Protein backbone atom coordinates (compact mmCIF):
# COMPACT_ATOMS: atom_id res chain seq x y z
CA MET A 1 0.00 0.00 0.00
CA THR A 2 1.33 3.46 -0.95
CA SER A 3 2.30 5.61 2.05
CA ILE A 4 1.23 9.24 2.35
CA ILE A 5 4.76 10.49 1.65
CA GLU A 6 5.01 8.24 -1.40
CA TRP A 7 1.67 9.57 -2.62
CA ILE A 8 2.88 13.18 -2.35
CA GLU A 9 6.18 12.40 -4.05
CA GLU A 10 4.43 10.55 -6.87
CA LYS A 11 2.14 13.54 -7.51
CA ILE A 12 5.17 15.85 -7.58
CA LYS A 13 7.05 13.53 -9.93
CA ASN A 14 4.06 13.35 -12.29
CA GLU A 15 3.78 17.16 -12.15
CA TYR A 16 0.25 16.96 -10.76
CA ILE A 17 1.55 19.12 -7.91
CA HIS A 18 4.22 21.78 -8.40
CA TYR A 19 7.22 21.55 -6.06
CA PHE A 20 9.22 24.60 -4.95
CA GLU A 21 12.73 24.22 -3.56
CA TYR A 22 12.70 25.49 0.04
CA GLY A 23 15.91 27.43 -0.50
CA LYS A 24 14.11 29.74 -2.91
CA PHE A 25 12.02 31.20 -0.07
CA SER A 26 13.23 34.11 2.06
CA HIS A 27 12.04 36.94 4.35
CA PHE A 28 9.69 34.81 6.47
CA ASP A 29 7.05 36.59 8.56
CA GLU A 30 4.22 34.90 10.50
CA ILE A 31 0.87 36.49 9.63
CA GLY A 32 -1.62 34.15 11.28
CA ARG A 33 -2.23 30.92 13.17
CA GLY A 34 -5.13 28.66 14.06
CA SER A 35 -5.91 25.30 15.60
CA PHE A 36 -4.02 23.26 13.00
CA GLY A 37 -1.12 25.41 11.99
CA LYS A 38 0.29 28.81 11.11
CA VAL A 39 0.61 30.92 7.98
CA ILE A 40 3.91 32.52 7.02
CA LYS A 41 4.38 35.29 4.47
CA ALA A 42 7.52 34.67 2.42
CA ASN A 43 9.23 35.89 -0.68
CA LEU A 44 9.65 33.31 -3.45
CA ALA A 45 12.48 33.94 -5.90
CA ASN A 46 11.28 35.04 -9.34
CA ARG A 47 7.68 35.19 -8.16
CA GLY A 48 7.25 37.53 -5.18
CA LEU A 49 5.16 37.18 -2.04
CA VAL A 50 3.40 33.91 -1.23
CA ALA A 51 1.82 32.35 1.85
CA LEU A 52 3.15 29.14 3.43
CA LYS A 53 0.72 27.07 5.50
CA ILE A 54 2.62 25.01 8.05
CA PHE A 55 0.80 22.34 10.06
CA PHE A 56 1.56 22.04 13.78
CA ASN A 57 3.46 18.88 14.66
CA ASP A 58 1.43 18.11 17.80
CA ASN A 59 0.59 14.60 16.64
CA SER A 60 2.59 11.84 15.00
CA LYS A 61 4.29 12.59 11.71
CA GLU A 62 1.85 10.22 10.00
CA LYS A 63 -1.14 12.10 11.45
CA LEU A 64 0.42 15.42 10.40
CA ASN A 65 0.85 14.15 6.85
CA GLU A 66 -2.75 12.90 6.80
CA GLU A 67 -4.00 16.43 7.63
CA PHE A 68 -1.71 17.84 4.97
CA VAL A 69 -2.89 15.43 2.27
CA LYS A 70 -6.56 15.90 3.16
CA GLU A 71 -6.34 19.64 2.56
CA LEU A 72 -4.01 19.19 -0.41
CA LYS A 73 -6.49 16.95 -2.24
CA LEU A 74 -9.26 19.49 -1.78
CA LEU A 75 -7.08 22.37 -2.92
CA CYS A 76 -6.10 20.52 -6.09
CA GLU A 77 -9.79 20.16 -6.93
CA ILE A 78 -10.89 23.76 -6.28
CA ASP A 79 -7.89 26.05 -6.80
CA TYR A 80 -8.91 27.34 -10.23
CA HIS A 81 -11.86 29.49 -9.10
CA SER A 82 -11.39 33.27 -8.89
CA ASN A 83 -12.92 33.51 -5.39
CA ILE A 84 -10.92 30.65 -3.86
CA ASN A 85 -7.47 31.30 -2.36
CA ARG A 86 -5.19 29.85 -5.03
CA PHE A 87 -3.02 26.80 -4.34
CA LEU A 88 0.41 27.14 -5.98
CA GLY A 89 2.22 23.97 -4.89
CA VAL A 90 4.22 22.50 -2.02
CA THR A 91 7.67 22.74 -0.47
CA ASN A 92 9.56 20.81 2.17
CA ASP A 93 11.71 22.31 4.93
CA SER A 94 13.33 18.88 5.61
CA MET A 95 10.90 18.38 8.52
CA SER A 96 7.58 18.17 6.67
CA TYR A 97 5.70 19.30 3.60
CA THR A 98 4.19 22.78 3.51
CA LEU A 99 1.41 24.24 1.33
CA VAL A 100 2.35 27.18 -0.89
CA LEU A 101 -0.63 29.50 -1.42
CA GLU A 102 -1.45 32.79 -3.10
CA TYR A 103 -0.65 35.74 -0.83
CA ALA A 104 -3.58 38.10 -0.17
CA ASN A 105 -2.14 41.60 -0.04
CA GLU A 106 -5.00 43.17 1.95
CA GLY A 107 -5.22 40.61 4.76
CA ASN A 108 -8.38 38.94 6.02
CA LEU A 109 -11.91 40.32 5.82
CA ARG A 110 -12.09 41.19 9.52
CA ASP A 111 -9.01 43.39 9.36
CA TYR A 112 -10.06 44.81 6.00
CA LEU A 113 -13.42 45.93 7.38
CA ARG A 114 -11.80 47.47 10.43
CA ASN A 115 -9.36 49.46 8.31
CA ASN A 116 -11.58 50.39 5.37
CA PHE A 117 -15.22 50.30 6.43
CA ALA A 118 -15.74 54.08 6.49
CA SER A 119 -14.89 54.29 2.79
CA LEU A 120 -17.13 51.41 1.63
CA ASN A 121 -20.40 52.24 -0.12
CA TRP A 122 -23.21 49.75 -0.63
CA ASN A 123 -22.19 48.92 -4.18
CA ARG A 124 -18.81 47.82 -2.84
CA LYS A 125 -20.34 45.90 0.09
CA ILE A 126 -22.65 43.97 -2.20
CA LYS A 127 -19.75 43.15 -4.52
CA MET A 128 -17.88 41.79 -1.49
CA ALA A 129 -20.89 39.68 -0.51
CA LEU A 130 -21.12 38.38 -4.08
CA ASP A 131 -17.44 37.42 -4.08
CA ILE A 132 -17.91 35.18 -1.03
CA THR A 133 -21.19 33.78 -2.34
CA ASN A 134 -19.68 33.04 -5.74
CA GLY A 135 -16.82 31.10 -4.12
CA LEU A 136 -19.22 29.16 -1.91
CA LYS A 137 -21.49 28.43 -4.89
CA PHE A 138 -18.51 26.83 -6.60
CA LEU A 139 -17.66 24.71 -3.54
CA HIS A 140 -21.25 23.52 -3.17
CA SER A 141 -21.38 22.66 -6.90
CA LYS A 142 -18.44 20.32 -6.20
CA GLU A 143 -20.35 18.83 -3.23
CA ILE A 144 -17.82 20.35 -0.82
CA ILE A 145 -18.82 22.11 2.39
CA HIS A 146 -16.39 24.52 4.02
CA ARG A 147 -17.62 24.06 7.65
CA ASP A 148 -15.55 26.93 9.05
CA LEU A 149 -16.59 30.14 7.30
CA HIS A 150 -15.80 33.31 9.24
CA SER A 151 -14.21 36.65 8.51
CA LYS A 152 -10.67 35.48 9.28
CA ASN A 153 -11.01 32.74 6.67
CA ILE A 154 -11.99 35.22 3.97
CA LEU A 155 -8.98 36.94 2.41
CA VAL A 156 -8.81 40.15 0.37
CA ASN A 157 -6.42 40.41 -2.57
CA ASN A 158 -6.45 43.51 -4.78
CA GLY A 159 -10.01 44.18 -3.67
CA LYS A 160 -11.28 40.67 -4.46
CA LEU A 161 -12.53 38.39 -1.67
CA LEU A 162 -11.25 34.80 -1.52
CA ILE A 163 -12.44 31.86 0.56
CA ALA A 164 -9.47 30.29 2.35
CA ASP A 165 -8.49 27.67 4.95
CA PHE A 166 -9.96 24.32 4.02
CA GLY A 167 -8.66 22.45 7.05
CA LEU A 168 -12.17 21.48 8.18
CA SER A 169 -13.71 21.22 4.72
CA LYS A 170 -15.09 17.92 3.47
CA LYS A 171 -16.89 16.28 0.63
CA LEU A 172 -20.52 15.91 1.71
CA ALA A 173 -20.29 12.14 1.38
CA GLU A 174 -17.42 12.09 3.93
CA VAL A 175 -19.18 14.07 6.67
CA THR A 176 -19.98 12.03 9.79
CA THR A 177 -22.10 12.75 12.85
CA SER A 178 -19.06 12.50 15.12
CA SER A 179 -16.95 14.78 12.98
CA MET A 180 -14.50 17.13 14.68
CA GLY A 181 -15.81 19.89 12.41
CA ASN A 182 -18.90 20.19 14.63
CA GLU A 183 -16.81 20.92 17.69
CA MET A 184 -14.38 23.42 16.20
CA GLY A 185 -15.03 26.97 15.07
CA MET A 186 -16.36 30.30 16.26
CA TYR A 187 -19.75 30.35 17.99
CA GLU A 188 -20.67 33.58 16.17
CA TYR A 189 -20.73 31.72 12.85
CA ILE A 190 -21.57 28.11 13.77
CA ASP A 191 -24.89 26.59 12.78
CA PRO A 192 -26.92 26.57 16.06
CA GLN A 193 -27.90 22.95 15.37
CA CYS A 194 -24.28 21.96 16.01
CA ILE A 195 -24.39 23.53 19.47
CA LYS A 196 -27.71 21.90 20.31
CA ASN A 197 -26.57 18.50 19.10
CA ILE A 198 -22.87 17.63 19.06
CA LYS A 199 -23.65 14.77 16.64
CA TYR A 200 -25.43 17.02 14.17
CA LYS A 201 -24.24 16.35 10.62
CA LYS A 202 -23.20 19.61 8.97
CA ASP A 203 -24.36 20.19 5.42
CA LYS A 204 -24.60 22.99 2.86
CA LYS A 205 -27.18 24.81 4.96
CA SER A 206 -24.60 25.03 7.76
CA ASP A 207 -22.39 27.03 5.41
CA ILE A 208 -25.41 29.18 4.50
CA TYR A 209 -25.89 30.06 8.18
CA SER A 210 -22.26 31.20 8.40
CA LEU A 211 -22.65 33.16 5.17
CA GLY A 212 -25.63 35.00 6.66
CA VAL A 213 -23.48 36.17 9.57
CA LEU A 214 -20.78 37.28 7.13
CA LEU A 215 -23.33 39.29 5.15
CA TRP A 216 -24.36 41.07 8.34
CA GLU A 217 -20.69 41.67 9.21
CA ILE A 218 -20.11 43.29 5.82
CA SER A 219 -23.10 45.56 6.44
CA SER A 220 -21.89 46.61 9.88
CA GLY A 221 -18.10 46.51 9.75
CA SER A 222 -18.19 44.95 13.23
CA LEU A 223 -17.36 41.58 14.72
CA PRO A 224 -20.68 39.87 15.50
CA PHE A 225 -21.64 39.71 19.17
CA HIS A 226 -18.55 41.59 20.32
CA ASP A 227 -20.27 42.26 23.67
CA TYR A 228 -20.04 38.53 24.41
CA ARG A 229 -16.32 38.14 23.82
CA SER A 230 -15.66 37.19 27.44
CA ASN A 231 -18.78 35.01 27.77
CA ARG A 232 -18.38 32.39 25.06
CA ASN A 233 -20.57 29.72 26.61
CA ILE A 234 -23.39 32.18 27.30
CA LEU A 235 -23.19 33.35 23.70
CA ALA A 236 -23.52 29.77 22.44
CA ILE A 237 -26.61 29.19 24.62
CA HIS A 238 -28.27 32.45 23.62
CA ILE A 239 -27.70 31.87 19.89
CA SER A 240 -28.90 28.27 19.99
CA TYR A 241 -31.74 28.34 22.50
CA LYS A 242 -32.86 32.00 22.60
CA ASN A 243 -32.47 32.72 18.88
CA LEU A 244 -30.05 35.57 19.53
CA ARG A 245 -29.13 37.39 16.31
CA GLU A 246 -27.52 40.72 15.54
CA GLU A 247 -29.71 43.78 14.90
CA PRO A 248 -29.92 45.16 11.34
CA ILE A 249 -27.79 48.20 10.56
CA LYS A 250 -29.52 51.44 9.62
CA ASP A 251 -29.79 52.10 5.85
CA THR A 252 -29.19 48.46 4.94
CA PRO A 253 -31.11 47.64 1.74
CA LEU A 254 -34.24 45.79 2.87
CA LYS A 255 -33.77 42.88 0.47
CA TYR A 256 -30.18 42.41 1.67
CA GLN A 257 -31.33 42.44 5.30
CA GLN A 258 -34.10 39.95 4.65
CA LEU A 259 -31.63 37.70 2.85
CA TYR A 260 -29.14 37.37 5.69
CA GLN A 261 -31.99 36.89 8.16
CA LYS A 262 -33.23 33.97 6.06
CA CYS A 263 -29.69 32.58 5.91
CA TRP A 264 -29.33 32.54 9.69
CA ASP A 265 -32.77 31.06 10.37
CA ASP A 266 -32.58 28.50 13.17
CA GLU A 267 -34.34 25.93 10.99
CA PRO A 268 -31.95 24.69 8.28
CA LYS A 269 -34.80 23.85 5.88
CA SER A 270 -35.91 27.49 5.94
CA ARG A 271 -32.54 28.77 4.77
CA PRO A 272 -32.06 29.46 1.04
CA ASP A 273 -29.59 27.43 -0.99
CA ILE A 274 -26.49 29.11 -2.38
CA LYS A 275 -27.97 29.63 -5.86
CA GLU A 276 -30.87 31.58 -4.38
CA VAL A 277 -28.51 33.68 -2.26
CA TYR A 278 -26.47 34.50 -5.35
CA LYS A 279 -29.61 35.38 -7.35
CA ILE A 280 -30.97 37.71 -4.65
CA LEU A 281 -27.63 39.47 -4.16
CA ASN A 282 -27.49 40.17 -7.88
CA GLU A 283 -30.99 41.63 -7.67
CA VAL A 284 -29.90 43.83 -4.77
CA ARG A 285 -26.85 44.93 -6.75
CA CYS A 286 -29.02 45.95 -9.70
CA GLY A 287 -31.29 47.88 -7.34
CA THR A 288 -28.46 49.87 -5.79
CA LYS A 289 -26.39 50.67 -8.89
CA ASN A 290 -27.87 54.15 -9.26
CA GLN A 291 -28.06 54.90 -5.55
CA PRO A 292 -25.62 57.48 -4.06
CA TRP A 293 -24.50 54.92 -1.43
């Protein structure tokens, strides 16, 4: 049976995956970290800035490589869409393999909103919402669910929004009721059904719930439920059992507001699918083109 390392090396040899010599990278600078690893900005000779995703070596080397290959396989399938953070190839620092990804020069959506919100009009906000929705529409068309959508996993590159970080993503057919993806993530964006039932099986409508929160965040420029930052467990209870949701922002287009409220409905069956979200956002865009906002 082929080992994980042999599988990676075979893909590199067959040029299915591009390999970059580690010595061609320089000027390393950590720009983020999460549960599974960290992201390093680096300069790649003859190319410029890229992002290196390095997995934490908390488990066995075999387990580390399994996590790497899981994400690598997904990236190879989805990296050609304009609203997905592009996968460039892999490198090896002699310790383990590392993902080489497109560098987003304007950071993540949360930081972008904090730094630029005052200058954003509604035409721009709706375009941002469409970027995320278009990327998610592509994932769902491939029967892939992201399972961890939030504003730190949305990147901004030259004004375009990109869905990133597929560490918890899965093919729908691979999702199980005991999946770790139900336990990990930010309460602000997690489908309430996952909090009510730890064995709840996430699906496309779970991503739609998270998208609804992101649409509100774009409209407000604020982190959702920031008043609960020190009371995480209370927040989870209030969202799941008391139907706590953020209040609409003044001057939000009514159709946009109604859309994100449908997306974050407690009942998954009442949420729209991604094609409907995309259709409605385009209608909102057409309705705001001539508005001075």
